[in-house]
Each structure stands twice: as C-alpha cells, then as structure tokens.
Amino acid sequence: MAGHPLGYLGTARAAHVRDTRAVLLACAALIVVTAVSDLCVPDVHRVRRVGPVDRVTGNDGSQVRS
C-alpha cells in the first residue's frame, strides 16, 4: 500500500511526458503480465479449500485457546 502514491506519481509523470493512451495501455499490459505470471506458479494451482475449523477443539482435536 505504501507504494501506491509512488505509482500514481510515476504514472502521472509518464502521462505528462507521453500520450495518456499509451501510458494507460502500458499499465494495462503490466497488470496482465503480472497476473499471468502469478498464475504460472505451480503452488497457485494446488491451493485447496479446507473445511471450517471447530473453534472448541480445532481440526486436529487439540484444544484451541483464544
């Protein structure tokens, strides 16, 4: 979250120097590339949904303390 203002600043400076449409297309391409690269990681495909945790005993039968 701390990098967002720097990203806004960089985008604004680039839009000032270059065409706004070109900057928006470059940002969109960057977002697509990062999303696709995240999906290429094998561990992302192995994420499985687990059942709900029993708050009294936990899933493994041990006592849960809060």
PDB file of N, CA and C in Angstrom:
ATOM      1  N   MET A   1       0.815  -1.191   0.000  1.00  0.00           N
ATOM      2  CA  MET A   1       0.000   0.000   0.000  1.00  0.00           C
ATOM      3  C   MET A   1       0.859   1.255   0.000  1.00  0.00           C
ATOM      4  N   ALA A   2       2.035   1.184   0.569  1.00  0.00           N
ATOM      5  CA  ALA A   2       2.870   2.382   0.632  1.00  0.00           C
ATOM      6  C   ALA A   2       3.404   2.747  -0.748  1.00  0.00           C
ATOM      7  N   GLY A   3       3.445   1.801  -1.660  1.00  0.00           N
ATOM      8  CA  GLY A   3       3.954   2.071  -2.992  1.00  0.00           C
ATOM      9  C   GLY A   3       2.940   2.713  -3.931  1.00  0.00           C
ATOM     10  N   HIS A   4       1.679   2.710  -3.537  1.00  0.00           N
ATOM     11  CA  HIS A   4       0.652   3.286  -4.403  1.00  0.00           C
ATOM     12  C   HIS A   4       0.901   4.757  -4.735  1.00  0.00           C
ATOM     13  N   PRO A   5       1.204   5.602  -3.764  1.00  0.00           N
ATOM     14  CA  PRO A   5       1.459   7.005  -4.131  1.00  0.00           C
ATOM     15  C   PRO A   5       2.628   7.167  -5.097  1.00  0.00           C
ATOM     16  N   LEU A   6       3.648   6.330  -4.949  1.00  0.00           N
ATOM     17  CA  LEU A   6       4.769   6.391  -5.886  1.00  0.00           C
ATOM     18  C   LEU A   6       4.346   5.929  -7.279  1.00  0.00           C
ATOM     19  N   GLY A   7       3.486   4.946  -7.333  1.00  0.00           N
ATOM     20  CA  GLY A   7       2.955   4.501  -8.622  1.00  0.00           C
ATOM     21  C   GLY A   7       2.110   5.569  -9.279  1.00  0.00           C
ATOM     22  N   TYR A   8       1.293   6.249  -8.487  1.00  0.00           N
ATOM     23  CA  TYR A   8       0.481   7.349  -9.016  1.00  0.00           C
ATOM     24  C   TYR A   8       1.381   8.467  -9.546  1.00  0.00           C
ATOM     25  N   LEU A   9       2.424   8.763  -8.805  1.00  0.00           N
ATOM     26  CA  LEU A   9       3.347   9.807  -9.216  1.00  0.00           C
ATOM     27  C   LEU A   9       4.057   9.422 -10.516  1.00  0.00           C
ATOM     28  N   GLY A  10       4.522   8.205 -10.598  1.00  0.00           N
ATOM     29  CA  GLY A  10       5.189   7.747 -11.813  1.00  0.00           C
ATOM     30  C   GLY A  10       4.256   7.739 -13.016  1.00  0.00           C
ATOM     31  N   THR A  11       3.014   7.312 -12.801  1.00  0.00           N
ATOM     32  CA  THR A  11       2.045   7.289 -13.891  1.00  0.00           C
ATOM     33  C   THR A  11       1.701   8.699 -14.346  1.00  0.00           C
ATOM     34  N   ALA A  12       1.541   9.607 -13.401  1.00  0.00           N
ATOM     35  CA  ALA A  12       1.221  10.992 -13.758  1.00  0.00           C
ATOM     36  C   ALA A  12       2.367  11.635 -14.530  1.00  0.00           C
ATOM     37  N   ARG A  13       3.591  11.374 -14.093  1.00  0.00           N
ATOM     38  CA  ARG A  13       4.751  11.938 -14.794  1.00  0.00           C
ATOM     39  C   ARG A  13       4.858  11.353 -16.207  1.00  0.00           C
ATOM     40  N   ALA A  14       4.631  10.054 -16.337  1.00  0.00           N
ATOM     41  CA  ALA A  14       4.704   9.425 -17.656  1.00  0.00           C
ATOM     42  C   ALA A  14       3.589   9.933 -18.571  1.00  0.00           C
ATOM     43  N   ALA A  15       2.388  10.139 -18.024  1.00  0.00           N
ATOM     44  CA  ALA A  15       1.277  10.660 -18.824  1.00  0.00           C
ATOM     45  C   ALA A  15       1.544  12.098 -19.254  1.00  0.00           C
ATOM     46  N   HIS A  16       2.283  12.833 -18.452  1.00  0.00           N
ATOM     47  CA  HIS A  16       2.625  14.211 -18.805  1.00  0.00           C
ATOM     48  C   HIS A  16       3.640  14.235 -19.948  1.00  0.00           C
ATOM     49  N   VAL A  17       4.590  13.309 -19.932  1.00  0.00           N
ATOM     50  CA  VAL A  17       5.636  13.266 -20.946  1.00  0.00           C
ATOM     51  C   VAL A  17       5.142  12.579 -22.219  1.00  0.00           C
ATOM     52  N   ARG A  18       4.424  11.490 -22.072  1.00  0.00           N
ATOM     53  CA  ARG A  18       3.941  10.703 -23.212  1.00  0.00           C
ATOM     54  C   ARG A  18       2.441  10.906 -23.380  1.00  0.00           C
ATOM     55  N   ASP A  19       1.908  10.234 -24.386  1.00  0.00           N
ATOM     56  CA  ASP A  19       0.466  10.247 -24.631  1.00  0.00           C
ATOM     57  C   ASP A  19      -0.251   9.477 -23.524  1.00  0.00           C
ATOM     58  N   THR A  20      -1.361  10.001 -23.053  1.00  0.00           N
ATOM     59  CA  THR A  20      -2.105   9.368 -21.961  1.00  0.00           C
ATOM     60  C   THR A  20      -2.575   7.967 -22.350  1.00  0.00           C
ATOM     61  N   ARG A  21      -3.023   7.803 -23.580  1.00  0.00           N
ATOM     62  CA  ARG A  21      -3.496   6.487 -24.037  1.00  0.00           C
ATOM     63  C   ARG A  21      -2.369   5.461 -24.004  1.00  0.00           C
ATOM     64  N   ALA A  22      -1.188   5.863 -24.404  1.00  0.00           N
ATOM     65  CA  ALA A  22      -0.050   4.942 -24.398  1.00  0.00           C
ATOM     66  C   ALA A  22       0.309   4.528 -22.977  1.00  0.00           C
ATOM     67  N   VAL A  23       0.237   5.467 -22.050  1.00  0.00           N
ATOM     68  CA  VAL A  23       0.543   5.150 -20.647  1.00  0.00           C
ATOM     69  C   VAL A  23      -0.496   4.196 -20.078  1.00  0.00           C
ATOM     70  N   LEU A  24      -1.762   4.423 -20.382  1.00  0.00           N
ATOM     71  CA  LEU A  24      -2.811   3.527 -19.892  1.00  0.00           C
ATOM     72  C   LEU A  24      -2.655   2.118 -20.475  1.00  0.00           C
ATOM     73  N   LEU A  25      -2.315   2.026 -21.751  1.00  0.00           N
ATOM     74  CA  LEU A  25      -2.103   0.707 -22.361  1.00  0.00           C
ATOM     75  C   LEU A  25      -0.890   0.006 -21.751  1.00  0.00           C
ATOM     76  N   ALA A  26       0.160   0.759 -21.455  1.00  0.00           N
ATOM     77  CA  ALA A  26       1.341   0.168 -20.819  1.00  0.00           C
ATOM     78  C   ALA A  26       1.009  -0.333 -19.416  1.00  0.00           C
ATOM     79  N   CYS A  27       0.230   0.424 -18.672  1.00  0.00           N
ATOM     80  CA  CYS A  27      -0.181  -0.010 -17.324  1.00  0.00           C
ATOM     81  C   CYS A  27      -1.060  -1.255 -17.399  1.00  0.00           C
ATOM     82  N   ALA A  28      -1.975  -1.284 -18.364  1.00  0.00           N
ATOM     83  CA  ALA A  28      -2.833  -2.461 -18.532  1.00  0.00           C
ATOM     84  C   ALA A  28      -2.002  -3.684 -18.897  1.00  0.00           C
ATOM     85  N   ALA A  29      -1.021  -3.497 -19.766  1.00  0.00           N
ATOM     86  CA  ALA A  29      -0.147  -4.614 -20.147  1.00  0.00           C
ATOM     87  C   ALA A  29       0.648  -5.109 -18.946  1.00  0.00           C
ATOM     88  N   LEU A  30       1.113  -4.194 -18.119  1.00  0.00           N
ATOM     89  CA  LEU A  30       1.851  -4.578 -16.919  1.00  0.00           C
ATOM     90  C   LEU A  30       0.978  -5.389 -15.965  1.00  0.00           C
ATOM     91  N   ILE A  31      -0.265  -4.987 -15.816  1.00  0.00           N
ATOM     92  CA  ILE A  31      -1.189  -5.721 -14.938  1.00  0.00           C
ATOM     93  C   ILE A  31      -1.450  -7.121 -15.489  1.00  0.00           C
ATOM     94  N   VAL A  32      -1.647  -7.237 -16.801  1.00  0.00           N
ATOM     95  CA  VAL A  32      -1.893  -8.547 -17.413  1.00  0.00           C
ATOM     96  C   VAL A  32      -0.677  -9.454 -17.254  1.00  0.00           C
ATOM     97  N   VAL A  33       0.512  -8.912 -17.479  1.00  0.00           N
ATOM     98  CA  VAL A  33       1.735  -9.710 -17.356  1.00  0.00           C
ATOM     99  C   VAL A  33       1.926 -10.205 -15.924  1.00  0.00           C
ATOM    100  N   THR A  34       1.691  -9.348 -14.936  1.00  0.00           N
ATOM    101  CA  THR A  34       1.860  -9.794 -13.551  1.00  0.00           C
ATOM    102  C   THR A  34       0.808 -10.821 -13.158  1.00  0.00           C
ATOM    103  N   ALA A  35      -0.431 -10.668 -13.641  1.00  0.00           N
ATOM    104  CA  ALA A  35      -1.472 -11.648 -13.324  1.00  0.00           C
ATOM    105  C   ALA A  35      -1.158 -13.001 -13.950  1.00  0.00           C
ATOM    106  N   VAL A  36      -0.718 -13.005 -15.194  1.00  0.00           N
ATOM    107  CA  VAL A  36      -0.382 -14.261 -15.865  1.00  0.00           C
ATOM    108  C   VAL A  36       0.827 -14.918 -15.203  1.00  0.00           C
ATOM    109  N   SER A  37       1.808 -14.113 -14.810  1.00  0.00           N
ATOM    110  CA  SER A  37       2.977 -14.698 -14.147  1.00  0.00           C
ATOM    111  C   SER A  37       2.609 -15.283 -12.786  1.00  0.00           C
ATOM    112  N   ASP A  38       1.646 -14.684 -12.094  1.00  0.00           N
ATOM    113  CA  ASP A  38       1.174 -15.270 -10.835  1.00  0.00           C
ATOM    114  C   ASP A  38       0.504 -16.613 -11.080  1.00  0.00           C
ATOM    115  N   LEU A  39      -0.246 -16.714 -12.154  1.00  0.00           N
ATOM    116  CA  LEU A  39      -0.932 -17.967 -12.450  1.00  0.00           C
ATOM    117  C   LEU A  39       0.012 -19.056 -12.938  1.00  0.00           C
ATOM    118  N   CYS A  40       1.209 -18.697 -13.359  1.00  0.00           N
ATOM    119  CA  CYS A  40       2.188 -19.688 -13.815  1.00  0.00           C
ATOM    120  C   CYS A  40       2.892 -20.397 -12.663  1.00  0.00           C
ATOM    121  N   VAL A  41       2.730 -19.913 -11.443  1.00  0.00           N
ATOM    122  CA  VAL A  41       3.363 -20.540 -10.280  1.00  0.00           C
ATOM    123  C   VAL A  41       2.576 -21.805  -9.934  1.00  0.00           C
ATOM    124  N   PRO A  42       3.229 -22.965  -9.878  1.00  0.00           N
ATOM    125  CA  PRO A  42       2.512 -24.221  -9.632  1.00  0.00           C
ATOM    126  C   PRO A  42       1.763 -24.254  -8.296  1.00  0.00           C
ATOM    127  N   ASP A  43       2.272 -23.602  -7.272  1.00  0.00           N
ATOM    128  CA  ASP A  43       1.598 -23.644  -5.973  1.00  0.00           C
ATOM    129  C   ASP A  43       0.235 -22.982  -6.001  1.00  0.00           C
ATOM    130  N   VAL A  44       0.000 -22.085  -6.928  1.00  0.00           N
ATOM    131  CA  VAL A  44      -1.308 -21.436  -7.033  1.00  0.00           C
ATOM    132  C   VAL A  44      -2.361 -22.455  -7.443  1.00  0.00           C
ATOM    133  N   HIS A  45      -1.972 -23.421  -8.263  1.00  0.00           N
ATOM    134  CA  HIS A  45      -2.923 -24.432  -8.730  1.00  0.00           C
ATOM    135  C   HIS A  45      -3.205 -25.486  -7.666  1.00  0.00           C
ATOM    136  N   ARG A  46      -2.350 -25.603  -6.668  1.00  0.00           N
ATOM    137  CA  ARG A  46      -2.534 -26.621  -5.627  1.00  0.00           C
ATOM    138  C   ARG A  46      -3.271 -26.102  -4.397  1.00  0.00           C
ATOM    139  N   VAL A  47      -3.724 -24.886  -4.411  1.00  0.00           N
ATOM    140  CA  VAL A  47      -4.450 -24.344  -3.263  1.00  0.00           C
ATOM    141  C   VAL A  47      -5.806 -25.038  -3.191  1.00  0.00           C
ATOM    142  N   ARG A  48      -6.118 -25.588  -2.046  1.00  0.00           N
ATOM    143  CA  ARG A  48      -7.375 -26.297  -1.851  1.00  0.00           C
ATOM    144  C   ARG A  48      -8.142 -25.673  -0.690  1.00  0.00           C
ATOM    145  N   ARG A  49      -9.425 -25.714  -0.807  1.00  0.00           N
ATOM    146  CA  ARG A  49     -10.283 -25.205   0.254  1.00  0.00           C
ATOM    147  C   ARG A  49     -10.388 -26.264   1.343  1.00  0.00           C
ATOM    148  N   VAL A  50     -10.223 -25.840   2.584  1.00  0.00           N
ATOM    149  CA  VAL A  50     -10.347 -26.767   3.704  1.00  0.00           C
ATOM    150  C   VAL A  50     -11.663 -26.508   4.412  1.00  0.00           C
ATOM    151  N   GLY A  51     -12.069 -27.480   5.192  1.00  0.00           N
ATOM    152  CA  GLY A  51     -13.313 -27.336   5.935  1.00  0.00           C
ATOM    153  C   GLY A  51     -13.180 -26.300   7.036  1.00  0.00           C
ATOM    154  N   PRO A  52     -14.303 -25.889   7.589  1.00  0.00           N
ATOM    155  CA  PRO A  52     -14.260 -24.893   8.664  1.00  0.00           C
ATOM    156  C   PRO A  52     -13.597 -25.461   9.919  1.00  0.00           C
ATOM    157  N   VAL A  53     -12.959 -24.605  10.671  1.00  0.00           N
ATOM    158  CA  VAL A  53     -12.277 -25.012  11.895  1.00  0.00           C
ATOM    159  C   VAL A  53     -13.269 -24.964  13.051  1.00  0.00           C
ATOM    160  N   ASP A  54     -13.307 -26.050  13.821  1.00  0.00           N
ATOM    161  CA  ASP A  54     -14.121 -26.072  15.036  1.00  0.00           C
ATOM    162  C   ASP A  54     -13.396 -25.231  16.078  1.00  0.00           C
ATOM    163  N   ARG A  55     -13.997 -24.185  16.557  1.00  0.00           N
ATOM    164  CA  ARG A  55     -13.328 -23.252  17.464  1.00  0.00           C
ATOM    165  C   ARG A  55     -13.070 -23.841  18.849  1.00  0.00           C
ATOM    166  N   VAL A  56     -13.746 -24.915  19.214  1.00  0.00           N
ATOM    167  CA  VAL A  56     -13.537 -25.501  20.532  1.00  0.00           C
ATOM    168  C   VAL A  56     -12.375 -26.489  20.511  1.00  0.00           C
ATOM    169  N   THR A  57     -12.367 -27.389  19.524  1.00  0.00           N
ATOM    170  CA  THR A  57     -11.341 -28.429  19.523  1.00  0.00           C
ATOM    171  C   THR A  57     -10.333 -28.291  18.390  1.00  0.00           C
ATOM    172  N   GLY A  58     -10.607 -27.516  17.359  1.00  0.00           N
ATOM    173  CA  GLY A  58      -9.699 -27.425  16.227  1.00  0.00           C
ATOM    174  C   GLY A  58      -9.890 -28.622  15.314  1.00  0.00           C
ATOM    175  N   ASN A  59      -9.260 -28.624  14.172  1.00  0.00           N
ATOM    176  CA  ASN A  59      -9.432 -29.720  13.217  1.00  0.00           C
ATOM    177  C   ASN A  59      -8.676 -30.969  13.631  1.00  0.00           C
ATOM    178  N   ASP A  60      -7.600 -30.811  14.415  1.00  0.00           N
ATOM    179  CA  ASP A  60      -6.815 -31.975  14.793  1.00  0.00           C
ATOM    180  C   ASP A  60      -7.190 -32.515  16.172  1.00  0.00           C
ATOM    181  N   GLY A  61      -8.240 -31.993  16.786  1.00  0.00           N
ATOM    182  CA  GLY A  61      -8.706 -32.493  18.076  1.00  0.00           C
ATOM    183  C   GLY A  61      -8.058 -31.823  19.271  1.00  0.00           C
ATOM    184  N   SER A  62      -7.063 -30.965  19.065  1.00  0.00           N
ATOM    185  CA  SER A  62      -6.426 -30.287  20.181  1.00  0.00           C
ATOM    186  C   SER A  62      -7.283 -29.085  20.630  1.00  0.00           C
ATOM    187  N   GLN A  63      -7.087 -28.705  21.854  1.00  0.00           N
ATOM    188  CA  GLN A  63      -7.840 -27.567  22.397  1.00  0.00           C
ATOM    189  C   GLN A  63      -7.318 -26.252  21.800  1.00  0.00           C
ATOM    190  N   VAL A  64      -8.221 -25.400  21.403  1.00  0.00           N
ATOM    191  CA  VAL A  64      -7.865 -24.096  20.862  1.00  0.00           C
ATOM    192  C   VAL A  64      -8.064 -23.067  21.960  1.00  0.00           C
ATOM    193  N   ARG A  65      -7.040 -22.287  22.234  1.00  0.00           N
ATOM    194  CA  ARG A  65      -7.153 -21.254  23.260  1.00  0.00           C
ATOM    195  C   ARG A  65      -7.153 -19.900  22.572  1.00  0.00           C
ATOM    196  N   SER A  66      -7.998 -19.017  23.070  1.00  0.00           N
ATOM    197  CA  SER A  66      -8.022 -17.669  22.486  1.00  0.00           C
ATOM    198  C   SER A  66      -7.684 -16.616  23.507  1.00  0.00           C
TER     199      SER A  66
END
